[in-house]
């Protein structure tokens, strides 16, 4: 079953969801707005892993700003842009549209900081699936998969809880090897940085103080 979504361009929030495009458009009219005020997307009742990582050399992996603001501008001249997936392979227009619909819908549905954490956890598990795919297609010679798993144990644990900022700090401390090259580690950092949806607290926002008693 198709689902249609209307995302308010100004607030970047999901405003309407409907199984009928006609009803969705009627709902927009009923609040005295026009279709131009919204991003209207659709998807079928399926889940897709977000695979797109780089567009024209910039890491856009699950990035809120890119998918809500920049992505729609690529449709008219898509062939002029370099769109690459996690495995550095070109992405066609159909796949781009699929991820556009999926990513815009779920990003705009984020509700508060708890929703941001939940979103990060979902993306984190997708990230791990892509990493495993990269391992499956690697011929390990001078390093073993077990050694890689041991080096990334803390990173994976943090990613699974949506703690992207902390995971990036650990990645920076990992010694490169034949598989975890500097280029690959940088790609992982870029992806976590681009996808991090959490609005971190400032001094004014802190509710608690954790004192160091040592």
Protein backbone atom coordinates (compact mmCIF):
# COMPACT_ATOMS: atom_id res chain seq x y z
CA UNK A 1 0.00 0.00 0.00
CA UNK A 2 1.32 3.42 -0.97
CA UNK A 3 1.69 6.10 1.66
CA UNK A 4 1.97 9.78 0.84
CA UNK A 5 3.66 12.33 3.09
CA UNK A 6 3.51 16.13 3.20
CA UNK A 7 6.46 17.82 4.88
CA UNK A 8 6.20 21.52 5.65
CA UNK A 9 9.16 23.22 3.95
CA UNK A 10 9.31 25.96 6.57
CA UNK A 11 9.25 23.80 9.69
CA UNK A 12 10.76 20.66 8.07
CA UNK A 13 8.18 18.62 9.98
CA UNK A 14 5.88 15.86 8.75
CA UNK A 15 2.43 17.46 8.63
CA UNK A 16 0.15 14.99 6.85
CA UNK A 17 0.21 11.27 6.04
CA UNK A 18 -2.37 9.60 3.84
CA UNK A 19 -2.93 6.54 1.70
CA UNK A 20 -4.50 8.84 -0.91
CA UNK A 21 -2.68 11.63 -2.73
CA UNK A 22 -6.02 13.35 -3.39
CA UNK A 23 -6.92 13.40 0.32
CA UNK A 24 -3.43 14.65 1.16
CA UNK A 25 -3.84 17.59 -1.22
CA UNK A 26 -7.29 18.34 0.18
CA UNK A 27 -5.85 18.42 3.70
CA UNK A 28 -3.30 21.00 2.56
CA UNK A 29 -6.04 23.18 1.07
CA UNK A 30 -8.05 22.95 4.28
CA UNK A 31 -5.32 24.74 6.23
CA UNK A 32 -5.14 27.53 3.63
CA UNK A 33 -1.77 26.50 2.22
CA UNK A 34 -0.62 25.37 -1.22
CA UNK A 35 1.24 22.31 -2.43
CA UNK A 36 4.28 24.54 -3.02
CA UNK A 37 4.52 24.97 0.75
CA UNK A 38 5.24 21.26 1.16
CA UNK A 39 7.58 18.49 0.09
CA UNK A 40 5.28 15.67 -1.03
CA UNK A 41 6.83 12.21 -1.04
CA UNK A 42 5.55 8.69 -1.35
CA UNK A 43 6.73 5.19 -0.69
CA UNK A 44 5.45 1.67 -0.73
CA UNK A 45 5.20 -0.28 2.52
CA UNK A 46 8.80 -1.45 2.35
CA UNK A 47 11.99 -0.50 4.18
CA UNK A 48 15.15 0.43 2.36
CA UNK A 49 18.66 0.73 3.69
CA UNK A 50 20.07 4.14 2.91
CA UNK A 51 23.15 3.46 0.78
CA UNK A 52 23.94 6.86 -0.74
CA UNK A 53 27.06 8.35 0.82
CA UNK A 54 28.60 10.94 -1.50
CA UNK A 55 27.07 13.50 -3.88
CA UNK A 56 29.55 15.58 -5.86
CA UNK A 57 32.27 14.72 -3.36
CA UNK A 58 30.29 15.72 -0.26
CA UNK A 59 29.20 13.15 2.34
CA UNK A 60 25.39 13.32 2.57
CA UNK A 61 24.69 10.02 4.30
CA UNK A 62 21.26 10.41 5.96
CA UNK A 63 21.98 14.12 6.28
CA UNK A 64 18.91 16.17 7.24
CA UNK A 65 19.92 19.37 5.45
CA UNK A 66 20.78 17.59 2.21
CA UNK A 67 17.68 15.41 1.90
CA UNK A 68 15.20 18.11 2.92
CA UNK A 69 16.74 21.01 0.99
CA UNK A 70 19.29 20.01 -1.64
CA UNK A 71 18.17 16.59 -2.90
CA UNK A 72 15.07 17.85 -4.81
CA UNK A 73 17.27 20.11 -6.93
CA UNK A 74 19.12 17.07 -8.36
CA UNK A 75 16.12 15.60 -10.17
CA UNK A 76 16.19 17.92 -13.19
CA UNK A 77 19.85 17.32 -14.10
CA UNK A 78 20.68 14.17 -12.16
CA UNK A 79 23.08 12.90 -14.83
CA UNK A 80 25.36 15.90 -14.19
CA UNK A 81 25.96 14.88 -10.58
CA UNK A 82 28.29 12.23 -9.15
CA UNK A 83 26.16 10.15 -6.77
CA UNK A 84 27.98 7.25 -5.10
CA UNK A 85 26.90 4.56 -2.66
CA UNK A 86 28.72 3.02 0.31
CA UNK A 87 30.77 0.79 -1.98
CA UNK A 88 31.75 3.78 -4.13
CA UNK A 89 29.49 2.64 -6.98
CA UNK A 90 27.35 5.04 -9.05
CA UNK A 91 23.68 5.35 -8.02
CA UNK A 92 20.98 5.62 -10.69
CA UNK A 93 18.03 8.00 -10.61
CA UNK A 94 15.49 5.35 -9.56
CA UNK A 95 17.54 4.41 -6.50
CA UNK A 96 18.05 8.08 -5.69
CA UNK A 97 14.28 8.70 -5.81
CA UNK A 98 13.68 5.68 -3.58
CA UNK A 99 16.09 6.93 -0.94
CA UNK A 100 14.76 10.46 -1.27
CA UNK A 101 11.23 9.33 -0.45
CA UNK A 102 12.39 7.12 2.41
CA UNK A 103 14.89 9.52 3.97
CA UNK A 104 12.75 12.66 3.74
CA UNK A 105 9.78 10.85 5.29
CA UNK A 106 11.67 9.46 8.28
CA UNK A 107 13.82 12.54 8.88
CA UNK A 108 10.80 14.84 8.96
CA UNK A 109 9.01 12.50 11.38
CA UNK A 110 11.69 12.89 14.09
CA UNK A 111 10.00 13.97 17.32
CA UNK A 112 12.18 15.74 19.88
CA UNK A 113 15.55 14.66 21.23
CA UNK A 114 14.28 11.16 22.06
CA UNK A 115 13.18 10.89 18.45
CA UNK A 116 16.62 12.02 17.31
CA UNK A 117 18.24 9.29 19.40
CA UNK A 118 15.82 6.69 18.02
CA UNK A 119 16.60 7.87 14.49
CA UNK A 120 20.35 7.58 15.16
CA UNK A 121 19.88 4.03 16.46
CA UNK A 122 18.00 3.05 13.28
CA UNK A 123 20.65 4.60 11.04
CA UNK A 124 23.40 3.11 13.22
CA UNK A 125 22.14 -0.41 12.62
CA UNK A 126 21.94 0.30 8.89
CA UNK A 127 25.51 1.57 9.03
CA UNK A 128 26.63 -1.71 10.64
CA UNK A 129 24.86 -3.69 7.89
CA UNK A 130 26.73 -1.70 5.23
CA UNK A 131 30.01 -2.24 7.07
CA UNK A 132 29.38 -5.99 7.14
CA UNK A 133 28.72 -5.89 3.40
CA UNK A 134 32.10 -4.24 2.91
CA UNK A 135 33.70 -7.03 4.95
CA UNK A 136 31.95 -9.74 2.92
CA UNK A 137 33.42 -8.36 -0.30
CA UNK A 138 36.97 -8.07 1.10
CA UNK A 139 39.69 -10.67 0.57
CA UNK A 140 41.45 -10.55 3.94
CA UNK A 141 45.14 -11.40 3.73
CA UNK A 142 47.33 -9.62 6.27
CA UNK A 143 44.52 -8.97 8.78
CA UNK A 144 41.66 -11.21 9.95
CA UNK A 145 37.98 -10.34 10.32
CA UNK A 146 38.25 -11.19 14.04
CA UNK A 147 41.04 -8.63 14.48
CA UNK A 148 38.88 -6.01 12.75
CA UNK A 149 35.91 -6.89 14.96
CA UNK A 150 38.02 -6.52 18.10
CA UNK A 151 39.33 -3.10 17.01
CA UNK A 152 35.81 -1.85 16.25
CA UNK A 153 34.03 -3.44 19.23
CA UNK A 154 33.62 -0.15 21.12
CA UNK A 155 32.68 1.77 17.96
CA UNK A 156 29.95 -0.72 17.07
CA UNK A 157 28.55 -0.63 20.61
CA UNK A 158 28.36 3.16 20.51
CA UNK A 159 26.83 3.25 17.03
CA UNK A 160 24.13 0.79 18.10
CA UNK A 161 23.03 3.22 20.84
CA UNK A 162 23.03 6.19 18.46
CA UNK A 163 26.12 7.72 20.10
CA UNK A 164 27.71 8.93 16.86
CA UNK A 165 29.77 11.73 18.39
CA UNK A 166 31.42 9.34 20.85
CA UNK A 167 31.93 6.70 18.14
CA UNK A 168 33.80 9.23 16.00
CA UNK A 169 36.17 10.02 18.87
CA UNK A 170 37.03 6.32 19.20
CA UNK A 171 37.50 5.97 15.43
CA UNK A 172 40.11 8.72 15.52
CA UNK A 173 42.17 6.63 17.98
CA UNK A 174 42.19 3.44 15.88
CA UNK A 175 45.49 2.50 14.29
CA UNK A 176 45.05 2.04 10.50
CA UNK A 177 45.76 -1.35 8.95
CA UNK A 178 45.33 -3.13 5.60
CA UNK A 179 41.52 -3.05 5.91
CA UNK A 180 40.90 -0.08 8.19
CA UNK A 181 42.89 2.30 6.02
CA UNK A 182 43.00 6.02 6.75
CA UNK A 183 40.66 6.59 3.81
CA UNK A 184 38.11 4.04 5.06
CA UNK A 185 38.22 5.29 8.64
CA UNK A 186 37.67 8.82 7.34
CA UNK A 187 34.67 7.62 5.34
CA UNK A 188 33.13 6.14 8.49
CA UNK A 189 33.73 9.38 10.38
CA UNK A 190 32.19 11.41 7.57
CA UNK A 191 29.11 9.18 7.50
CA UNK A 192 28.53 9.35 11.24
CA UNK A 193 29.06 13.10 11.21
CA UNK A 194 26.63 13.67 8.32
CA UNK A 195 23.94 11.39 9.76
CA UNK A 196 24.06 12.62 13.36
CA UNK A 197 20.57 14.06 13.98
CA UNK A 198 20.96 14.77 17.70
CA UNK A 199 20.65 18.37 18.85
CA UNK A 200 23.27 18.43 21.59
CA UNK A 201 22.60 20.37 24.78
CA UNK A 202 24.25 23.72 25.37
CA UNK A 203 25.13 25.24 28.75
CA UNK A 204 21.62 26.71 28.99
CA UNK A 205 20.00 23.34 28.22
CA UNK A 206 21.69 21.17 30.84
CA UNK A 207 19.31 19.60 33.37
CA UNK A 208 21.94 17.65 35.30
CA UNK A 209 25.52 17.96 36.45
CA UNK A 210 27.79 14.92 36.60
CA UNK A 211 30.61 15.81 38.94
CA UNK A 212 34.01 14.19 38.87
CA UNK A 213 34.73 13.10 42.46
CA UNK A 214 38.17 11.65 41.81
